[in-house]
Amino acid sequence: MNKRLIVATALASAVATPGAVLAAPNPAPTPPFKAEKCYGIARAGENDCASTGNNECAGTSRKALDLRAWIYVPEGYCRRIQGGSLRPRL
């Protein structure tokens, strides 16, 4: 499958469902594609979850680019994104 299509689908689904993510008190559901957690790239209020203690989870990050908040990205893409990390940073 075309990688651009996968990335576009992932980004479109993340943008199209912010209301559903905001209502969830838990981590966002695992996407239907092979994904990895990418820390440090989520915008405020658009995270899929976070590592211990800094927010309630999906859609609750108060700070953009929080080094402990993560979003799902297609597998293998996190390291390609500036500021992205496969592990939370303090």
Protein backbone atom coordinates (compact mmCIF):
# COMPACT_ATOMS: atom_id res chain seq x y z
CA MET A 1 0.00 0.00 0.00
CA ASN A 2 1.18 3.50 -0.77
CA LYS A 3 2.96 5.04 2.26
CA ARG A 4 1.60 8.50 1.45
CA LEU A 5 -1.93 7.12 1.57
CA ILE A 6 -1.29 5.55 4.97
CA VAL A 7 0.16 8.77 6.38
CA ALA A 8 -2.64 10.86 4.89
CA THR A 9 -5.26 8.50 6.32
CA ALA A 10 -3.64 8.60 9.76
CA LEU A 11 -3.44 12.37 9.80
CA ALA A 12 -6.98 12.77 8.46
CA SER A 13 -8.39 10.47 11.13
CA ALA A 14 -6.49 12.33 13.85
CA VAL A 15 -7.80 15.69 12.64
CA ALA A 16 -11.34 14.52 11.93
CA THR A 17 -12.05 13.06 15.37
CA PRO A 18 -10.83 15.54 18.01
CA GLY A 19 -14.25 15.56 19.73
CA ALA A 20 -14.17 11.80 20.19
CA VAL A 21 -10.63 11.95 21.52
CA LEU A 22 -11.48 14.76 23.95
CA ALA A 23 -14.30 12.72 25.47
CA ALA A 24 -12.09 9.69 26.13
CA PRO A 25 -10.62 9.45 29.65
CA ASN A 26 -8.21 6.72 28.51
CA PRO A 27 -5.59 6.31 25.80
CA ALA A 28 -6.84 6.57 22.25
CA PRO A 29 -7.68 3.22 20.66
CA THR A 30 -4.94 1.56 18.66
CA PRO A 31 -5.27 2.55 14.99
CA PRO A 32 -6.02 -0.06 12.31
CA PHE A 33 -2.55 0.34 10.75
CA LYS A 34 0.86 -0.67 12.15
CA ALA A 35 1.61 2.18 14.52
CA GLU A 36 4.10 3.33 17.11
CA LYS A 37 3.87 5.86 19.93
CA CYS A 38 5.73 9.06 19.07
CA TYR A 39 6.53 11.38 21.98
CA GLY A 40 7.13 15.11 21.81
CA ILE A 41 5.20 16.05 18.67
CA ALA A 42 1.56 16.35 19.79
CA ARG A 43 -0.18 19.72 19.81
CA ALA A 44 -1.93 20.84 22.98
CA GLY A 45 -5.16 18.90 23.43
CA GLU A 46 -4.42 16.53 20.55
CA ASN A 47 -2.37 13.83 22.24
CA ASP A 48 -3.40 10.17 22.24
CA CYS A 49 -2.06 9.73 25.78
CA ALA A 50 0.99 10.42 27.92
CA SER A 51 3.48 8.77 30.19
CA THR A 52 2.82 8.83 33.92
CA GLY A 53 1.40 11.79 35.69
CA ASN A 54 1.31 14.74 33.34
CA ASN A 55 -2.31 14.56 32.13
CA GLU A 56 -5.48 12.46 32.17
CA CYS A 57 -4.81 10.92 28.75
CA ALA A 58 -6.27 11.27 25.27
CA GLY A 59 -6.82 14.89 24.30
CA THR A 60 -5.87 16.37 27.65
CA SER A 61 -2.34 17.67 27.12
CA ARG A 62 -2.20 21.36 28.00
CA LYS A 63 1.18 21.97 26.41
CA ALA A 64 2.18 21.64 22.76
CA LEU A 65 5.18 19.42 22.07
CA ASP A 66 5.03 17.92 25.57
CA LEU A 67 7.97 15.52 25.80
CA ARG A 68 5.88 12.99 27.76
CA ALA A 69 2.72 13.11 25.60
CA TRP A 70 2.45 10.83 22.57
CA ILE A 71 0.41 10.26 19.45
CA TYR A 72 0.20 7.25 17.18
CA VAL A 73 2.10 7.53 13.90
CA PRO A 74 2.67 4.90 11.21
CA GLU A 75 5.43 2.49 12.22
CA GLY A 76 8.87 3.77 11.25
CA TYR A 77 7.87 7.44 10.95
CA CYS A 78 8.55 8.81 14.43
CA ARG A 79 12.29 9.06 13.95
CA ARG A 80 11.71 10.95 10.69
CA ILE A 81 9.72 13.70 12.45
CA GLN A 82 11.73 16.55 13.95
CA GLY A 83 11.37 16.39 17.74
CA GLY A 84 9.85 12.89 17.65
CA SER A 85 11.06 10.23 20.07
CA LEU A 86 10.06 6.62 20.69
CA ARG A 87 10.53 7.17 24.44
CA PRO A 88 9.24 9.87 26.78
CA ARG A 89 11.76 12.52 27.75
CA LEU A 90 11.83 14.48 30.96
